[in-house]
Each structure stands twice: as structure tokens, then as C-alpha cells.
Amino acid sequence: MAIAILFSGMSVFAAHLPGGNVLSDTTKTRKVKPAKVQYTCPMHPEVISNKPGQCPKCGMTLVKKQPAKKPAKTSS
């Protein structure tokens, strides 16, 4: 009985030590910023806008710009 009390007391003490917390702290996790949506003209990719609308050069409807894809790593 004394051993059980000793171990339970040690576990309570260990839980209050720095780094002794088993649960992860969600405040330390990275926050992902939402990607900025940009619009571009299919015919004039140099035309970039933060909102949908018409291309000032040709009048075409601007479309959402797709993010650049990273090349896949190949195994050597």
C-alpha cells in the first residue's frame, strides 16, 4: 500500500515538471496562413489581380492562378 502511494505521489510530481507533460501544447504548433488567391488572364499571364474581373488588355475573364507545383523528388 505504501508503495502504491509513493508511485502515485511521484507521478503527480513528475506531471508538474517542465517537459513532463504528455499532451502536446497546441499553442506551439505552426499556424498555416491561407494561400492568397490571385487571378490572371489565360492569354496574358503577366496580368495578375487580387480579385476576379476582366483583363485590361483583352477583356477576358480572369481565372484563379494555380500555385506553382514543386517538382517531385526522384530516388537515386
N, C-alpha and C. Protein backbone atom coordinates (compact mmCIF):
# COMPACT_ATOMS: atom_id res chain seq x y z
N MET A 1 0.84 -1.19 0.00
CA MET A 1 0.00 0.00 0.00
C MET A 1 0.89 1.26 0.00
N ALA A 2 1.93 1.24 0.78
CA ALA A 2 2.83 2.39 0.85
C ALA A 2 3.52 2.61 -0.49
N ILE A 3 3.84 1.53 -1.18
CA ILE A 3 4.50 1.65 -2.48
C ILE A 3 3.55 2.28 -3.50
N ALA A 4 2.28 1.91 -3.45
CA ALA A 4 1.29 2.49 -4.36
C ALA A 4 1.16 3.98 -4.12
N ILE A 5 1.14 4.40 -2.88
CA ILE A 5 1.05 5.83 -2.55
C ILE A 5 2.30 6.55 -3.02
N LEU A 6 3.46 5.92 -2.83
CA LEU A 6 4.72 6.52 -3.25
C LEU A 6 4.73 6.74 -4.77
N PHE A 7 4.34 5.72 -5.55
CA PHE A 7 4.34 5.86 -7.01
C PHE A 7 3.31 6.88 -7.49
N SER A 8 2.14 6.94 -6.87
CA SER A 8 1.14 7.92 -7.29
C SER A 8 1.62 9.33 -6.97
N GLY A 9 2.29 9.50 -5.84
CA GLY A 9 2.83 10.82 -5.49
C GLY A 9 3.93 11.23 -6.45
N MET A 10 4.75 10.28 -6.88
CA MET A 10 5.83 10.60 -7.83
C MET A 10 5.26 10.97 -9.19
N SER A 11 4.21 10.30 -9.60
CA SER A 11 3.64 10.61 -10.91
C SER A 11 2.99 11.99 -10.92
N VAL A 12 2.39 12.39 -9.81
CA VAL A 12 1.82 13.74 -9.72
C VAL A 12 2.93 14.77 -9.76
N PHE A 13 4.02 14.52 -9.06
CA PHE A 13 5.15 15.44 -9.05
C PHE A 13 5.77 15.53 -10.45
N ALA A 14 5.93 14.39 -11.12
CA ALA A 14 6.55 14.37 -12.45
C ALA A 14 5.68 15.09 -13.48
N ALA A 15 4.39 15.10 -13.30
CA ALA A 15 3.50 15.77 -14.25
C ALA A 15 3.69 17.28 -14.21
N HIS A 16 4.19 17.82 -13.11
CA HIS A 16 4.37 19.26 -12.99
C HIS A 16 5.77 19.72 -13.39
N LEU A 17 6.64 18.80 -13.75
CA LEU A 17 7.98 19.17 -14.19
C LEU A 17 7.93 19.69 -15.61
N PRO A 18 8.85 20.62 -15.98
CA PRO A 18 8.90 21.08 -17.37
C PRO A 18 9.23 19.91 -18.28
N GLY A 19 8.51 19.81 -19.37
CA GLY A 19 8.73 18.73 -20.33
C GLY A 19 8.09 17.43 -19.90
N GLY A 20 7.46 17.40 -18.73
CA GLY A 20 6.83 16.18 -18.25
C GLY A 20 5.40 16.04 -18.73
N ASN A 21 4.92 17.03 -19.45
CA ASN A 21 3.54 17.00 -19.92
C ASN A 21 3.45 16.07 -21.12
N VAL A 22 2.59 15.09 -21.04
CA VAL A 22 2.43 14.12 -22.11
C VAL A 22 1.65 14.72 -23.27
N LEU A 23 0.70 15.58 -22.98
CA LEU A 23 -0.11 16.19 -24.02
C LEU A 23 0.68 17.29 -24.72
N SER A 24 0.50 17.41 -26.03
CA SER A 24 1.21 18.44 -26.77
C SER A 24 0.53 19.79 -26.57
N ASP A 25 1.32 20.82 -26.60
CA ASP A 25 0.81 22.18 -26.43
C ASP A 25 0.42 22.71 -27.80
N THR A 26 -0.85 22.99 -28.01
CA THR A 26 -1.31 23.43 -29.33
C THR A 26 -0.88 24.85 -29.65
N THR A 27 -0.44 25.63 -28.65
CA THR A 27 -0.01 27.00 -28.94
C THR A 27 1.35 27.01 -29.61
N LYS A 28 2.08 25.90 -29.55
CA LYS A 28 3.40 25.85 -30.15
C LYS A 28 3.37 25.30 -31.57
N THR A 29 2.22 24.89 -32.05
CA THR A 29 2.14 24.34 -33.40
C THR A 29 2.15 25.48 -34.41
N ARG A 30 2.60 25.15 -35.59
CA ARG A 30 2.66 26.16 -36.65
C ARG A 30 1.27 26.52 -37.12
N LYS A 31 1.09 27.77 -37.38
CA LYS A 31 -0.18 28.21 -37.94
C LYS A 31 0.03 28.39 -39.43
N VAL A 32 -0.83 27.76 -40.20
CA VAL A 32 -0.72 27.82 -41.65
C VAL A 32 -1.52 29.01 -42.14
N LYS A 33 -0.84 29.86 -42.89
CA LYS A 33 -1.53 31.02 -43.45
C LYS A 33 -2.31 30.57 -44.68
N PRO A 34 -3.53 31.06 -44.82
CA PRO A 34 -4.27 30.70 -46.03
C PRO A 34 -3.56 31.30 -47.26
N ALA A 35 -3.56 30.54 -48.32
CA ALA A 35 -2.90 31.00 -49.54
C ALA A 35 -3.65 32.19 -50.12
N LYS A 36 -2.88 33.17 -50.60
CA LYS A 36 -3.50 34.31 -51.26
C LYS A 36 -4.06 33.86 -52.60
N VAL A 37 -5.29 34.23 -52.87
CA VAL A 37 -5.89 33.90 -54.16
C VAL A 37 -5.55 35.02 -55.13
N GLN A 38 -4.98 34.65 -56.25
CA GLN A 38 -4.67 35.62 -57.28
C GLN A 38 -5.34 35.18 -58.57
N TYR A 39 -5.66 36.15 -59.36
CA TYR A 39 -6.34 35.90 -60.64
C TYR A 39 -5.44 36.39 -61.76
N THR A 40 -5.47 35.68 -62.88
CA THR A 40 -4.65 36.03 -64.02
C THR A 40 -5.43 35.82 -65.31
N CYS A 41 -4.95 36.40 -66.37
CA CYS A 41 -5.57 36.23 -67.68
C CYS A 41 -4.95 35.02 -68.36
N PRO A 42 -5.78 34.15 -68.95
CA PRO A 42 -5.23 32.99 -69.66
C PRO A 42 -4.34 33.39 -70.85
N MET A 43 -4.61 34.52 -71.46
CA MET A 43 -3.84 34.96 -72.62
C MET A 43 -2.66 35.86 -72.23
N HIS A 44 -2.75 36.50 -71.09
CA HIS A 44 -1.70 37.42 -70.63
C HIS A 44 -1.31 37.07 -69.19
N PRO A 45 -0.44 36.08 -68.99
CA PRO A 45 -0.10 35.64 -67.63
C PRO A 45 0.60 36.70 -66.79
N GLU A 46 1.07 37.76 -67.41
CA GLU A 46 1.70 38.84 -66.64
C GLU A 46 0.67 39.71 -65.92
N VAL A 47 -0.60 39.61 -66.33
CA VAL A 47 -1.69 40.35 -65.68
C VAL A 47 -2.11 39.56 -64.44
N ILE A 48 -1.90 40.15 -63.27
CA ILE A 48 -2.25 39.49 -62.01
C ILE A 48 -3.10 40.45 -61.19
N SER A 49 -4.18 39.91 -60.60
CA SER A 49 -5.09 40.72 -59.79
C SER A 49 -5.43 39.96 -58.51
N ASN A 50 -5.76 40.69 -57.46
CA ASN A 50 -6.17 40.08 -56.20
C ASN A 50 -7.67 39.78 -56.16
N LYS A 51 -8.40 40.22 -57.18
CA LYS A 51 -9.84 39.98 -57.23
C LYS A 51 -10.24 39.59 -58.64
N PRO A 52 -11.34 38.87 -58.80
CA PRO A 52 -11.78 38.50 -60.14
C PRO A 52 -12.22 39.72 -60.93
N GLY A 53 -12.19 39.59 -62.23
CA GLY A 53 -12.59 40.71 -63.08
C GLY A 53 -12.23 40.42 -64.52
N GLN A 54 -11.97 41.49 -65.27
CA GLN A 54 -11.64 41.38 -66.69
C GLN A 54 -10.19 41.79 -66.91
N CYS A 55 -9.57 41.18 -67.91
CA CYS A 55 -8.20 41.54 -68.29
C CYS A 55 -8.22 42.93 -68.91
N PRO A 56 -7.35 43.83 -68.46
CA PRO A 56 -7.33 45.17 -69.05
C PRO A 56 -6.80 45.20 -70.48
N LYS A 57 -6.12 44.13 -70.91
CA LYS A 57 -5.55 44.09 -72.26
C LYS A 57 -6.53 43.55 -73.29
N CYS A 58 -7.24 42.45 -72.92
CA CYS A 58 -8.08 41.81 -73.93
C CYS A 58 -9.54 41.66 -73.49
N GLY A 59 -9.84 41.90 -72.22
CA GLY A 59 -11.22 41.82 -71.75
C GLY A 59 -11.67 40.44 -71.34
N MET A 60 -10.78 39.44 -71.41
CA MET A 60 -11.15 38.09 -70.99
C MET A 60 -11.35 38.05 -69.47
N THR A 61 -12.16 37.10 -69.03
CA THR A 61 -12.39 36.93 -67.60
C THR A 61 -11.14 36.34 -66.95
N LEU A 62 -10.72 36.95 -65.85
CA LEU A 62 -9.56 36.45 -65.13
C LEU A 62 -9.91 35.15 -64.42
N VAL A 63 -8.96 34.22 -64.36
CA VAL A 63 -9.15 32.93 -63.72
C VAL A 63 -8.20 32.82 -62.53
N LYS A 64 -8.54 31.93 -61.59
CA LYS A 64 -7.67 31.74 -60.43
C LYS A 64 -6.32 31.22 -60.88
N LYS A 65 -5.28 31.83 -60.33
CA LYS A 65 -3.92 31.41 -60.64
C LYS A 65 -3.60 30.19 -59.79
N GLN A 66 -3.12 29.13 -60.42
CA GLN A 66 -2.76 27.90 -59.73
C GLN A 66 -1.37 28.07 -59.13
N PRO A 67 -1.18 27.61 -57.87
CA PRO A 67 0.15 27.72 -57.26
C PRO A 67 1.15 26.85 -58.03
N ALA A 68 2.39 27.29 -58.05
CA ALA A 68 3.43 26.53 -58.74
C ALA A 68 3.66 25.23 -57.99
N LYS A 69 3.70 24.14 -58.73
CA LYS A 69 3.90 22.83 -58.11
C LYS A 69 5.39 22.56 -58.01
N LYS A 70 5.77 21.97 -56.87
CA LYS A 70 7.17 21.62 -56.67
C LYS A 70 7.46 20.35 -57.45
N PRO A 71 8.65 20.29 -58.07
CA PRO A 71 8.98 19.07 -58.80
C PRO A 71 9.12 17.88 -57.84
N ALA A 72 8.68 16.72 -58.30
CA ALA A 72 8.76 15.52 -57.47
C ALA A 72 10.21 15.08 -57.35
N LYS A 73 10.58 14.66 -56.15
CA LYS A 73 11.94 14.17 -55.94
C LYS A 73 12.03 12.75 -56.46
N THR A 74 13.12 12.48 -57.14
CA THR A 74 13.32 11.13 -57.66
C THR A 74 14.32 10.41 -56.79
N SER A 75 14.11 9.13 -56.61
CA SER A 75 15.02 8.32 -55.82
C SER A 75 16.17 7.86 -56.70
N SER A 76 17.38 7.99 -56.20
CA SER A 76 18.56 7.56 -56.98
C SER A 76 19.09 6.28 -56.44
